[in-house]
Amino acid sequence: MSIEQLEDIAQAMVAPGKGIIAIDESNATIKKRFDAVGIIDTEEHRRAYREMLLTAPGLGEHISGAILYDETIRQKTKAGVPFTKVMRDAGIIPGIKVDKGTHALAGNPGELVTEGLDGLRERLKEYYALGARFAKWRAVITIGDDIPTGTCIEANSHALARYAALCQEQGLVPMVEPEVLMDGEHDIETCYEVTEVVLRSLFGALYDFNVQLEGTILKASMVVPGKDCAEQVGVDDVAEATVRCLRSAVPASLTGIVFLSGGQSDADATAHLNAINQIGAQPWPLSFSYGRAMQSAALQLWAKDMAGNFAAAQKIVVQRARDNGLAALGKLK
């Protein structure tokens, strides 16, 4: 696939007023979500839940793509229609999570590195054949006493860049996600400094591996204080710091940026996105790729009566998509 074709897909992923829904939770993670609302974790329940999300009427009006898990990209609706066909028919681009999760970074206590590069080329070929047109890899950066180290940042940037190069080789748009965790007592200034260093390292590595930024999407953390920081800040402070950090570290040739919610409440994730886009035009579209912030309210309702609340839960998902789509334009009131 040519870089022009990759660029077309990337641009469609960040089309005006549209964002991406992340439903790529591993089986272990979705079990935790189900346990919290009283749902027994079975493959059929996972399939039914993903069907509820992906078949929501009108979802494609504000959702450009969905990140799936390995199990999900192979599943079908109750009527036997592959999820990927349902998505394409709704104008939603299928994506796939391809990393193998985080593991302790040897020699660096308290830090993590994402694994999954072994065999990735063949897995990407299979996912393309299954209908995926973009992929996602998540790195995790923790802020704490004397961390993150340069070793951790460099190791994760290197893995993200190798993954991205392999994606483009196989005709998939890479979504690179260097998540700076909200966990901790750090203030917003510390988050800014770490996020800027992480982004500079990432884009240096992408350059080294000849990754074409015109066919790449960044999934970024917002610049926020740690959850346990005594000094929390207002919505406009988060928006200003986030935009300033991105303008400092992200090349203008990148196709687009989508934000992760990263543990923010539904309301905060949407309010911050809206404020970010009210600042004014930037070199790249600034949209969303939310998981919990898109799903949590719908999951809670669906869990009470899976059959009876199916349509009502779908309406909640579509409303969340609409609100975040407006926020991606800075037009949410």
C-alpha atoms as a PDB file:
ATOM      1  CA  MET A   1       0.000   0.000   0.000  1.00  0.00           C
ATOM      2  CA  SER A   2       1.346   3.438  -0.935  1.00  0.00           C
ATOM      3  CA  ILE A   3       1.946   6.220   1.549  1.00  0.00           C
ATOM      4  CA  GLU A   4      -0.841   8.141  -0.169  1.00  0.00           C
ATOM      5  CA  GLN A   5      -3.301   5.343   0.625  1.00  0.00           C
ATOM      6  CA  LEU A   6      -2.096   5.183   4.231  1.00  0.00           C
ATOM      7  CA  GLU A   7      -2.482   8.938   4.450  1.00  0.00           C
ATOM      8  CA  ASP A   8      -6.069   8.697   3.168  1.00  0.00           C
ATOM      9  CA  ILE A   9      -6.916   6.180   5.903  1.00  0.00           C
ATOM     10  CA  ALA A  10      -5.198   8.265   8.575  1.00  0.00           C
ATOM     11  CA  GLN A  11      -7.062  11.377   7.475  1.00  0.00           C
ATOM     12  CA  ALA A  12     -10.367   9.504   7.592  1.00  0.00           C
ATOM     13  CA  MET A  13      -9.562   8.439  11.159  1.00  0.00           C
ATOM     14  CA  VAL A  14      -9.415  12.090  12.255  1.00  0.00           C
ATOM     15  CA  ALA A  15     -12.153  13.445  10.007  1.00  0.00           C
ATOM     16  CA  PRO A  16     -13.824  16.598  11.400  1.00  0.00           C
ATOM     17  CA  GLY A  17     -16.196  15.815  14.258  1.00  0.00           C
ATOM     18  CA  LYS A  18     -15.205  12.145  14.406  1.00  0.00           C
ATOM     19  CA  GLY A  19     -13.056  10.058  16.742  1.00  0.00           C
ATOM     20  CA  ILE A  20     -12.204   6.487  17.605  1.00  0.00           C
ATOM     21  CA  ILE A  21     -13.788   4.132  20.116  1.00  0.00           C
ATOM     22  CA  ALA A  22     -11.359   1.815  21.878  1.00  0.00           C
ATOM     23  CA  ILE A  23     -12.863  -1.600  22.574  1.00  0.00           C
ATOM     24  CA  ASP A  24      -9.549  -3.421  22.626  1.00  0.00           C
ATOM     25  CA  GLU A  25      -9.573  -4.548  26.248  1.00  0.00           C
ATOM     26  CA  SER A  26      -7.793  -7.847  26.783  1.00  0.00           C
ATOM     27  CA  ASN A  27      -9.845 -10.715  28.178  1.00  0.00           C
ATOM     28  CA  ALA A  28      -8.281 -10.095  31.591  1.00  0.00           C
ATOM     29  CA  THR A  29      -9.249  -6.409  31.503  1.00  0.00           C
ATOM     30  CA  ILE A  30     -12.797  -6.961  30.276  1.00  0.00           C
ATOM     31  CA  LYS A  31     -13.242  -9.520  33.059  1.00  0.00           C
ATOM     32  CA  LYS A  32     -12.440  -6.793  35.592  1.00  0.00           C
ATOM     33  CA  ARG A  33     -14.981  -4.476  33.931  1.00  0.00           C
ATOM     34  CA  PHE A  34     -17.612  -7.219  33.913  1.00  0.00           C
ATOM     35  CA  ASP A  35     -16.881  -8.217  37.510  1.00  0.00           C
ATOM     36  CA  ALA A  36     -17.421  -4.620  38.602  1.00  0.00           C
ATOM     37  CA  VAL A  37     -20.965  -4.574  37.199  1.00  0.00           C
ATOM     38  CA  GLY A  38     -21.940  -8.178  37.967  1.00  0.00           C
ATOM     39  CA  ILE A  39     -21.612  -9.764  34.527  1.00  0.00           C
ATOM     40  CA  ILE A  40     -20.235 -13.300  34.284  1.00  0.00           C
ATOM     41  CA  ASP A  41     -17.215 -13.230  31.989  1.00  0.00           C
ATOM     42  CA  THR A  42     -17.830 -15.639  29.101  1.00  0.00           C
ATOM     43  CA  GLU A  43     -16.909 -15.473  25.431  1.00  0.00           C
ATOM     44  CA  GLU A  44     -20.589 -15.091  24.522  1.00  0.00           C
ATOM     45  CA  HIS A  45     -21.059 -12.191  26.937  1.00  0.00           C
ATOM     46  CA  ARG A  46     -17.963 -10.499  25.534  1.00  0.00           C
ATOM     47  CA  ARG A  47     -19.266 -11.025  22.005  1.00  0.00           C
ATOM     48  CA  ALA A  48     -22.730  -9.717  22.892  1.00  0.00           C
ATOM     49  CA  TYR A  49     -21.263  -6.653  24.586  1.00  0.00           C
ATOM     50  CA  ARG A  50     -19.106  -5.792  21.578  1.00  0.00           C
ATOM     51  CA  GLU A  51     -22.113  -6.343  19.297  1.00  0.00           C
ATOM     52  CA  MET A  52     -24.124  -3.883  21.384  1.00  0.00           C
ATOM     53  CA  LEU A  53     -21.401  -1.275  20.895  1.00  0.00           C
ATOM     54  CA  LEU A  54     -20.588  -1.830  17.226  1.00  0.00           C
ATOM     55  CA  THR A  55     -24.172  -2.119  15.958  1.00  0.00           C
ATOM     56  CA  ALA A  56     -25.434   1.022  17.711  1.00  0.00           C
ATOM     57  CA  PRO A  57     -27.566   2.877  15.124  1.00  0.00           C
ATOM     58  CA  GLY A  58     -25.882   6.082  13.990  1.00  0.00           C
ATOM     59  CA  LEU A  59     -22.538   5.307  15.632  1.00  0.00           C
ATOM     60  CA  GLY A  60     -20.675   6.037  12.397  1.00  0.00           C
ATOM     61  CA  GLU A  61     -21.836   9.645  12.394  1.00  0.00           C
ATOM     62  CA  HIS A  62     -19.234  10.519  15.030  1.00  0.00           C
ATOM     63  CA  ILE A  63     -17.017   7.418  15.163  1.00  0.00           C
ATOM     64  CA  SER A  64     -14.461   6.979  12.381  1.00  0.00           C
ATOM     65  CA  GLY A  65     -12.810   3.806  13.647  1.00  0.00           C
ATOM     66  CA  ALA A  66     -12.785   1.209  16.406  1.00  0.00           C
ATOM     67  CA  ILE A  67      -9.787  -0.520  17.957  1.00  0.00           C
ATOM     68  CA  LEU A  68     -10.537  -4.215  18.401  1.00  0.00           C
ATOM     69  CA  TYR A  69      -8.925  -7.047  20.336  1.00  0.00           C
ATOM     70  CA  ASP A  70      -7.729 -10.283  18.686  1.00  0.00           C
ATOM     71  CA  GLU A  71     -10.848 -12.135  19.832  1.00  0.00           C
ATOM     72  CA  THR A  72     -13.189  -9.370  18.687  1.00  0.00           C
ATOM     73  CA  ILE A  73     -11.909  -8.957  15.132  1.00  0.00           C
ATOM     74  CA  ARG A  74     -12.773 -12.633  14.548  1.00  0.00           C
ATOM     75  CA  GLN A  75     -16.292 -12.453  15.992  1.00  0.00           C
ATOM     76  CA  LYS A  76     -19.709 -12.060  14.377  1.00  0.00           C
ATOM     77  CA  THR A  77     -23.085 -10.685  15.332  1.00  0.00           C
ATOM     78  CA  LYS A  78     -25.757 -13.029  16.628  1.00  0.00           C
ATOM     79  CA  ALA A  79     -27.076 -13.106  13.056  1.00  0.00           C
ATOM     80  CA  GLY A  80     -23.698 -14.280  11.758  1.00  0.00           C
ATOM     81  CA  VAL A  81     -22.389 -11.038  10.227  1.00  0.00           C
ATOM     82  CA  PRO A  82     -18.659 -10.431  10.847  1.00  0.00           C
ATOM     83  CA  PHE A  83     -18.055  -7.406  13.049  1.00  0.00           C
ATOM     84  CA  THR A  84     -15.667  -6.018  10.452  1.00  0.00           C
ATOM     85  CA  LYS A  85     -18.449  -6.009   7.833  1.00  0.00           C
ATOM     86  CA  VAL A  86     -20.849  -4.313  10.256  1.00  0.00           C
ATOM     87  CA  MET A  87     -18.213  -1.651  10.812  1.00  0.00           C
ATOM     88  CA  ARG A  88     -17.410  -1.095   7.156  1.00  0.00           C
ATOM     89  CA  ASP A  89     -21.108  -0.815   6.322  1.00  0.00           C
ATOM     90  CA  ALA A  90     -21.384   1.899   8.992  1.00  0.00           C
ATOM     91  CA  GLY A  91     -18.336   3.766   7.687  1.00  0.00           C
ATOM     92  CA  ILE A  92     -16.209   2.723  10.682  1.00  0.00           C
ATOM     93  CA  ILE A  93     -12.612   1.657   9.989  1.00  0.00           C
ATOM     94  CA  PRO A  94     -11.562  -1.566  11.751  1.00  0.00           C
ATOM     95  CA  GLY A  95      -8.409  -1.313  13.850  1.00  0.00           C
ATOM     96  CA  ILE A  96      -6.548  -3.836  15.983  1.00  0.00           C
ATOM     97  CA  LYS A  97      -4.454  -3.783  19.138  1.00  0.00           C
ATOM     98  CA  VAL A  98      -1.250  -5.698  18.403  1.00  0.00           C
ATOM     99  CA  ASP A  99       1.009  -5.297  21.427  1.00  0.00           C
ATOM    100  CA  LYS A 100       1.302  -8.081  23.991  1.00  0.00           C
ATOM    101  CA  GLY A 101       1.001  -5.867  27.032  1.00  0.00           C
ATOM    102  CA  THR A 102       3.433  -4.324  29.492  1.00  0.00           C
ATOM    103  CA  HIS A 103       6.093  -6.178  31.439  1.00  0.00           C
ATOM    104  CA  ALA A 104       8.644  -5.170  34.053  1.00  0.00           C
ATOM    105  CA  LEU A 105      11.662  -3.486  32.460  1.00  0.00           C
ATOM    106  CA  ALA A 106      14.610  -5.559  33.682  1.00  0.00           C
ATOM    107  CA  GLY A 107      17.099  -3.528  35.673  1.00  0.00           C
ATOM    108  CA  ASN A 108      14.697  -0.629  36.104  1.00  0.00           C
ATOM    109  CA  PRO A 109      12.454  -1.171  39.128  1.00  0.00           C
ATOM    110  CA  GLY A 110       9.000   0.370  38.841  1.00  0.00           C
ATOM    111  CA  GLU A 111       9.179   0.803  35.072  1.00  0.00           C
ATOM    112  CA  LEU A 112       7.491  -1.051  32.235  1.00  0.00           C
ATOM    113  CA  VAL A 113       8.203  -1.939  28.631  1.00  0.00           C
ATOM    114  CA  THR A 114       5.673  -3.173  26.082  1.00  0.00           C
ATOM    115  CA  GLU A 115       6.367  -6.472  24.354  1.00  0.00           C
ATOM    116  CA  GLY A 116       5.003  -8.110  21.212  1.00  0.00           C
ATOM    117  CA  LEU A 117       7.461  -7.466  18.382  1.00  0.00           C
ATOM    118  CA  ASP A 118       8.293 -11.155  17.891  1.00  0.00           C
ATOM    119  CA  GLY A 119       6.158 -12.509  15.064  1.00  0.00           C
ATOM    120  CA  LEU A 120       4.470  -9.145  14.548  1.00  0.00           C
ATOM    121  CA  ARG A 121       4.982  -9.033  10.769  1.00  0.00           C
ATOM    122  CA  GLU A 122       2.995 -12.242  10.280  1.00  0.00           C
ATOM    123  CA  ARG A 123       0.281 -11.161  12.714  1.00  0.00           C
ATOM    124  CA  LEU A 124      -0.113  -7.868  10.853  1.00  0.00           C
ATOM    125  CA  LYS A 125      -0.541  -9.743   7.571  1.00  0.00           C
ATOM    126  CA  GLU A 126      -3.309 -11.819   9.140  1.00  0.00           C
ATOM    127  CA  TYR A 127      -5.060  -8.798  10.659  1.00  0.00           C
ATOM    128  CA  TYR A 128      -4.984  -7.008   7.294  1.00  0.00           C
ATOM    129  CA  ALA A 129      -6.618 -10.059   5.711  1.00  0.00           C
ATOM    130  CA  LEU A 130      -9.256 -10.006   8.467  1.00  0.00           C
ATOM    131  CA  GLY A 131     -10.115  -6.405   7.559  1.00  0.00           C
ATOM    132  CA  ALA A 132      -7.996  -4.218   9.844  1.00  0.00           C
ATOM    133  CA  ARG A 133      -6.664  -1.022   8.295  1.00  0.00           C
ATOM    134  CA  PHE A 134      -4.929   0.467  11.329  1.00  0.00           C
ATOM    135  CA  ALA A 135      -3.237  -0.892  14.425  1.00  0.00           C
ATOM    136  CA  LYS A 136      -2.384   0.293  17.925  1.00  0.00           C
ATOM    137  CA  TRP A 137       0.568  -0.227  20.260  1.00  0.00           C
ATOM    138  CA  ARG A 138       0.551   1.195  23.795  1.00  0.00           C
ATOM    139  CA  ALA A 139       3.610   2.070  25.813  1.00  0.00           C
ATOM    140  CA  VAL A 140       3.301   3.041  29.485  1.00  0.00           C
ATOM    141  CA  ILE A 141       5.388   5.707  31.209  1.00  0.00           C
ATOM    142  CA  THR A 142       5.143   6.003  34.994  1.00  0.00           C
ATOM    143  CA  ILE A 143       6.060   9.163  36.903  1.00  0.00           C
ATOM    144  CA  GLY A 144       7.538   8.587  40.354  1.00  0.00           C
ATOM    145  CA  ASP A 145      10.686   8.943  42.415  1.00  0.00           C
ATOM    146  CA  ASP A 146      13.546   9.175  39.906  1.00  0.00           C
ATOM    147  CA  ILE A 147      11.403   7.773  37.113  1.00  0.00           C
ATOM    148  CA  PRO A 148      10.889   7.688  34.229  1.00  0.00           C
ATOM    149  CA  THR A 149      14.488   6.982  33.310  1.00  0.00           C
ATOM    150  CA  GLY A 150      15.953   7.669  29.913  1.00  0.00           C
ATOM    151  CA  THR A 151      16.375   3.924  29.511  1.00  0.00           C
ATOM    152  CA  CYS A 152      12.646   3.311  29.890  1.00  0.00           C
ATOM    153  CA  ILE A 153      11.677   6.123  27.540  1.00  0.00           C
ATOM    154  CA  GLU A 154      14.191   5.010  24.909  1.00  0.00           C
ATOM    155  CA  ALA A 155      13.191   1.338  25.111  1.00  0.00           C
ATOM    156  CA  ASN A 156       9.512   2.131  24.620  1.00  0.00           C
ATOM    157  CA  SER A 157      10.165   4.649  21.841  1.00  0.00           C
ATOM    158  CA  HIS A 158      12.290   2.074  20.011  1.00  0.00           C
ATOM    159  CA  ALA A 159       9.540  -0.558  20.263  1.00  0.00           C
ATOM    160  CA  LEU A 160       6.877   1.898  19.079  1.00  0.00           C
ATOM    161  CA  ALA A 161       8.998   2.865  16.086  1.00  0.00           C
ATOM    162  CA  ARG A 162       9.744  -0.741  15.072  1.00  0.00           C
ATOM    163  CA  TYR A 163       6.045  -1.554  15.358  1.00  0.00           C
ATOM    164  CA  ALA A 164       5.077   1.502  13.296  1.00  0.00           C
ATOM    165  CA  ALA A 165       7.513   0.646  10.515  1.00  0.00           C
ATOM    166  CA  LEU A 166       6.156  -2.900  10.346  1.00  0.00           C
ATOM    167  CA  CYS A 167       2.592  -1.592  10.189  1.00  0.00           C
ATOM    168  CA  GLN A 168       3.303   0.660   7.234  1.00  0.00           C
ATOM    169  CA  GLU A 169       5.152  -2.167   5.488  1.00  0.00           C
ATOM    170  CA  GLN A 170       1.970  -4.273   5.749  1.00  0.00           C
ATOM    171  CA  GLY A 171      -0.448  -1.517   4.701  1.00  0.00           C
ATOM    172  CA  LEU A 172      -1.738  -0.571   8.151  1.00  0.00           C
ATOM    173  CA  VAL A 173      -1.770   2.912   9.648  1.00  0.00           C
ATOM    174  CA  PRO A 174       0.146   2.779  12.944  1.00  0.00           C
ATOM    175  CA  MET A 175      -1.386   4.432  15.978  1.00  0.00           C
ATOM    176  CA  VAL A 176       1.438   5.086  18.436  1.00  0.00           C
ATOM    177  CA  GLU A 177       0.392   5.482  22.075  1.00  0.00           C
ATOM    178  CA  PRO A 178       3.002   6.589  24.629  1.00  0.00           C
ATOM    179  CA  GLU A 179       0.710   6.889  27.671  1.00  0.00           C
ATOM    180  CA  VAL A 180       2.024   8.960  30.569  1.00  0.00           C
ATOM    181  CA  LEU A 181       0.056   7.584  33.492  1.00  0.00           C
ATOM    182  CA  MET A 182      -2.083   9.799  35.715  1.00  0.00           C
ATOM    183  CA  ASP A 183      -1.176   7.682  38.738  1.00  0.00           C
ATOM    184  CA  GLY A 184       0.902   9.554  41.297  1.00  0.00           C
ATOM    185  CA  GLU A 185       1.296  12.797  43.195  1.00  0.00           C
ATOM    186  CA  HIS A 186       3.125  14.746  40.477  1.00  0.00           C
ATOM    187  CA  ASP A 187       1.937  18.213  39.493  1.00  0.00           C
ATOM    188  CA  ILE A 188       0.971  19.399  36.026  1.00  0.00           C
ATOM    189  CA  GLU A 189       4.411  20.929  35.413  1.00  0.00           C
ATOM    190  CA  THR A 190       6.069  17.556  35.988  1.00  0.00           C
ATOM    191  CA  CYS A 191       3.591  15.870  33.660  1.00  0.00           C
ATOM    192  CA  TYR A 192       4.364  18.492  31.015  1.00  0.00           C
ATOM    193  CA  GLU A 193       8.115  17.934  31.283  1.00  0.00           C
ATOM    194  CA  VAL A 194       7.838  14.142  31.099  1.00  0.00           C
ATOM    195  CA  THR A 195       5.321  14.192  28.248  1.00  0.00           C
ATOM    196  CA  GLU A 196       7.505  16.542  26.212  1.00  0.00           C
ATOM    197  CA  VAL A 197      10.592  14.351  26.679  1.00  0.00           C
ATOM    198  CA  VAL A 198       8.612  11.210  25.795  1.00  0.00           C
ATOM    199  CA  LEU A 199       7.191  12.745  22.619  1.00  0.00           C
ATOM    200  CA  ARG A 200      10.561  14.062  21.479  1.00  0.00           C
ATOM    201  CA  SER A 201      12.067  10.617  21.999  1.00  0.00           C
ATOM    202  CA  LEU A 202       9.206   8.932  20.139  1.00  0.00           C
ATOM    203  CA  PHE A 203       9.381  11.140  17.067  1.00  0.00           C
ATOM    204  CA  GLY A 204      13.169  10.819  16.987  1.00  0.00           C
ATOM    205  CA  ALA A 205      12.785   7.037  16.906  1.00  0.00           C
ATOM    206  CA  LEU A 206      10.066   7.181  14.244  1.00  0.00           C
ATOM    207  CA  TYR A 207      12.410   9.274  12.111  1.00  0.00           C
ATOM    208  CA  ASP A 208      15.240   6.780  12.611  1.00  0.00           C
ATOM    209  CA  PHE A 209      13.016   3.932  11.388  1.00  0.00           C
ATOM    210  CA  ASN A 210      11.791   5.870   8.324  1.00  0.00           C
ATOM    211  CA  VAL A 211       8.172   5.905   9.506  1.00  0.00           C
ATOM    212  CA  GLN A 212       6.089   8.215   7.342  1.00  0.00           C
ATOM    213  CA  LEU A 213       4.316  10.630   9.672  1.00  0.00           C
ATOM    214  CA  GLU A 214       1.756  11.452   6.981  1.00  0.00           C
ATOM    215  CA  GLY A 215       0.409   7.932   7.467  1.00  0.00           C
ATOM    216  CA  THR A 216       0.650   7.828  11.265  1.00  0.00           C
ATOM    217  CA  ILE A 217      -1.661   8.733  14.166  1.00  0.00           C
ATOM    218  CA  LEU A 218      -0.500   9.713  17.659  1.00  0.00           C
ATOM    219  CA  LYS A 219      -2.639   8.601  20.602  1.00  0.00           C
ATOM    220  CA  ALA A 220      -1.563  11.055  23.268  1.00  0.00           C
ATOM    221  CA  SER A 221      -2.029  11.677  26.956  1.00  0.00           C
ATOM    222  CA  MET A 222      -3.353  15.026  28.047  1.00  0.00           C
ATOM    223  CA  VAL A 223      -1.099  17.049  30.328  1.00  0.00           C
ATOM    224  CA  VAL A 224      -2.769  16.676  33.724  1.00  0.00           C
ATOM    225  CA  PRO A 225      -1.616  16.517  37.338  1.00  0.00           C
ATOM    226  CA  GLY A 226      -1.412  13.125  38.998  1.00  0.00           C
ATOM    227  CA  LYS A 227      -4.608  11.767  40.516  1.00  0.00           C
ATOM    228  CA  ASP A 228      -3.145  12.114  44.012  1.00  0.00           C
ATOM    229  CA  CYS A 229      -1.660  15.574  43.501  1.00  0.00           C
ATOM    230  CA  ALA A 230      -2.839  18.037  46.140  1.00  0.00           C
ATOM    231  CA  GLU A 231      -3.012  20.798  43.530  1.00  0.00           C
ATOM    232  CA  GLN A 232      -5.548  19.973  40.831  1.00  0.00           C
ATOM    233  CA  VAL A 233      -6.137  22.453  38.011  1.00  0.00           C
ATOM    234  CA  GLY A 234      -8.986  23.750  35.871  1.00  0.00           C
ATOM    235  CA  VAL A 235     -10.120  22.593  32.460  1.00  0.00           C
ATOM    236  CA  ASP A 236      -8.521  25.545  30.672  1.00  0.00           C
ATOM    237  CA  ASP A 237      -5.179  24.901  32.394  1.00  0.00           C
ATOM    238  CA  VAL A 238      -5.155  21.315  31.109  1.00  0.00           C
ATOM    239  CA  ALA A 239      -6.086  22.475  27.610  1.00  0.00           C
ATOM    240  CA  GLU A 240      -3.385  25.152  27.488  1.00  0.00           C
ATOM    241  CA  ALA A 241      -0.633  22.895  28.827  1.00  0.00           C
ATOM    242  CA  THR A 242      -1.586  20.045  26.494  1.00  0.00           C
ATOM    243  CA  VAL A 243      -1.595  22.175  23.350  1.00  0.00           C
ATOM    244  CA  ARG A 244       1.645  23.909  24.321  1.00  0.00           C
ATOM    245  CA  CYS A 245       3.356  20.547  24.892  1.00  0.00           C
ATOM    246  CA  LEU A 246       2.149  19.112  21.586  1.00  0.00           C
ATOM    247  CA  ARG A 247       3.231  22.176  19.638  1.00  0.00           C
ATOM    248  CA  SER A 248       6.658  21.901  21.245  1.00  0.00           C
ATOM    249  CA  ALA A 249       7.258  18.232  20.472  1.00  0.00           C
ATOM    250  CA  VAL A 250       5.074  16.944  17.619  1.00  0.00           C
ATOM    251  CA  PRO A 251       6.024  17.558  13.963  1.00  0.00           C
ATOM    252  CA  ALA A 252       3.440  19.374  11.875  1.00  0.00           C
ATOM    253  CA  SER A 253       3.598  16.662   9.198  1.00  0.00           C
ATOM    254  CA  LEU A 254       1.820  14.163  11.462  1.00  0.00           C
ATOM    255  CA  THR A 255      -1.677  13.402  10.137  1.00  0.00           C
ATOM    256  CA  GLY A 256      -3.555  13.680  13.438  1.00  0.00           C
ATOM    257  CA  ILE A 257      -3.665  13.285  17.195  1.00  0.00           C
ATOM    258  CA  VAL A 258      -6.304  11.480  19.242  1.00  0.00           C
ATOM    259  CA  PHE A 259      -6.373  11.644  23.026  1.00  0.00           C
ATOM    260  CA  LEU A 260      -6.751   8.784  25.449  1.00  0.00           C
ATOM    261  CA  SER A 261      -8.962   9.354  28.471  1.00  0.00           C
ATOM    262  CA  GLY A 262      -6.395   7.756  30.773  1.00  0.00           C
ATOM    263  CA  GLY A 263      -8.619   7.320  33.793  1.00  0.00           C
ATOM    264  CA  GLN A 264     -10.367  10.682  33.557  1.00  0.00           C
ATOM    265  CA  SER A 265     -14.091  10.746  34.202  1.00  0.00           C
ATOM    266  CA  ASP A 266     -16.378  10.759  31.172  1.00  0.00           C
ATOM    267  CA  ALA A 267     -17.236  14.414  31.786  1.00  0.00           C
ATOM    268  CA  ASP A 268     -13.635  15.529  32.290  1.00  0.00           C
ATOM    269  CA  ALA A 269     -12.364  13.758  29.170  1.00  0.00           C
ATOM    270  CA  THR A 270     -15.001  15.475  27.049  1.00  0.00           C
ATOM    271  CA  ALA A 271     -14.628  18.894  28.700  1.00  0.00           C
ATOM    272  CA  HIS A 272     -10.856  18.854  28.263  1.00  0.00           C
ATOM    273  CA  LEU A 273     -11.158  17.866  24.586  1.00  0.00           C
ATOM    274  CA  ASN A 274     -13.657  20.654  23.996  1.00  0.00           C
ATOM    275  CA  ALA A 275     -11.432  23.249  25.665  1.00  0.00           C
ATOM    276  CA  ILE A 276      -8.385  22.058  23.727  1.00  0.00           C
ATOM    277  CA  ASN A 277     -10.191  22.608  20.433  1.00  0.00           C
ATOM    278  CA  GLN A 278     -11.553  25.984  21.506  1.00  0.00           C
ATOM    279  CA  ILE A 279      -7.992  27.293  21.697  1.00  0.00           C
ATOM    280  CA  GLY A 280      -7.940  27.450  17.910  1.00  0.00           C
ATOM    281  CA  ALA A 281      -6.569  25.721  14.830  1.00  0.00           C
ATOM    282  CA  GLN A 282      -3.457  23.584  15.282  1.00  0.00           C
ATOM    283  CA  PRO A 283      -1.135  21.875  12.770  1.00  0.00           C
ATOM    284  CA  TRP A 284      -3.090  18.619  13.202  1.00  0.00           C
ATOM    285  CA  PRO A 285      -6.699  17.618  14.019  1.00  0.00           C
ATOM    286  CA  LEU A 286      -7.124  16.939  17.760  1.00  0.00           C
ATOM    287  CA  SER A 287      -9.746  14.288  18.402  1.00  0.00           C
ATOM    288  CA  PHE A 288     -10.411  11.355  20.751  1.00  0.00           C
ATOM    289  CA  SER A 289      -9.796   7.642  21.132  1.00  0.00           C
ATOM    290  CA  TYR A 290     -11.673   6.841  24.316  1.00  0.00           C
ATOM    291  CA  GLY A 291     -12.369   3.484  25.905  1.00  0.00           C
ATOM    292  CA  ARG A 292     -13.894   3.726  29.358  1.00  0.00           C
ATOM    293  CA  ALA A 293     -14.981   7.315  28.747  1.00  0.00           C
ATOM    294  CA  MET A 294     -17.113   6.059  25.850  1.00  0.00           C
ATOM    295  CA  GLN A 295     -18.387   2.826  27.367  1.00  0.00           C
ATOM    296  CA  SER A 296     -18.766   2.999  31.143  1.00  0.00           C
ATOM    297  CA  ALA A 297     -22.287   4.424  31.378  1.00  0.00           C
ATOM    298  CA  ALA A 298     -23.593   2.096  28.665  1.00  0.00           C
ATOM    299  CA  LEU A 299     -21.972  -0.938  30.297  1.00  0.00           C
ATOM    300  CA  GLN A 300     -23.565  -0.175  33.656  1.00  0.00           C
ATOM    301  CA  LEU A 301     -27.024   0.024  32.091  1.00  0.00           C
ATOM    302  CA  TRP A 302     -26.561  -3.022  29.842  1.00  0.00           C
ATOM    303  CA  ALA A 303     -25.398  -5.106  32.801  1.00  0.00           C
ATOM    304  CA  LYS A 304     -28.746  -4.666  34.569  1.00  0.00           C
ATOM    305  CA  ASP A 305     -30.683  -6.333  31.736  1.00  0.00           C
ATOM    306  CA  MET A 306     -28.637  -7.399  28.707  1.00  0.00           C
ATOM    307  CA  ALA A 307     -31.602  -8.040  26.456  1.00  0.00           C
ATOM    308  CA  GLY A 308     -34.011  -5.445  27.799  1.00  0.00           C
ATOM    309  CA  ASN A 309     -31.505  -2.592  27.937  1.00  0.00           C
ATOM    310  CA  PHE A 310     -29.715  -3.377  24.662  1.00  0.00           C
ATOM    311  CA  ALA A 311     -31.194  -0.485  22.676  1.00  0.00           C
ATOM    312  CA  ALA A 312     -31.062   1.962  25.573  1.00  0.00           C
ATOM    313  CA  ALA A 313     -27.391   1.210  26.172  1.00  0.00           C
ATOM    314  CA  GLN A 314     -26.712   1.795  22.477  1.00  0.00           C
ATOM    315  CA  LYS A 315     -28.323   5.220  22.699  1.00  0.00           C
ATOM    316  CA  ILE A 316     -25.952   6.119  25.525  1.00  0.00           C
ATOM    317  CA  VAL A 317     -22.925   5.101  23.423  1.00  0.00           C
ATOM    318  CA  VAL A 318     -24.143   7.154  20.469  1.00  0.00           C
ATOM    319  CA  GLN A 319     -24.752  10.172  22.721  1.00  0.00           C
ATOM    320  CA  ARG A 320     -21.229   9.882  24.121  1.00  0.00           C
ATOM    321  CA  ALA A 321     -19.920   9.693  20.537  1.00  0.00           C
ATOM    322  CA  ARG A 322     -21.928  12.778  19.603  1.00  0.00           C
ATOM    323  CA  ASP A 323     -20.707  14.784  22.596  1.00  0.00           C
ATOM    324  CA  ASN A 324     -17.082  13.886  21.945  1.00  0.00           C
ATOM    325  CA  GLY A 325     -17.502  14.536  18.225  1.00  0.00           C
ATOM    326  CA  LEU A 326     -18.702  18.052  19.034  1.00  0.00           C
ATOM    327  CA  ALA A 327     -15.845  18.448  21.520  1.00  0.00           C
ATOM    328  CA  ALA A 328     -13.413  17.496  18.754  1.00  0.00           C
ATOM    329  CA  LEU A 329     -14.697  20.600  16.973  1.00  0.00           C
ATOM    330  CA  GLY A 330     -14.712  22.744  20.117  1.00  0.00           C
ATOM    331  CA  LYS A 331     -18.470  23.113  19.726  1.00  0.00           C
ATOM    332  CA  LEU A 332     -19.871  21.291  22.743  1.00  0.00           C
ATOM    333  CA  LYS A 333     -22.103  23.554  24.828  1.00  0.00           C
END
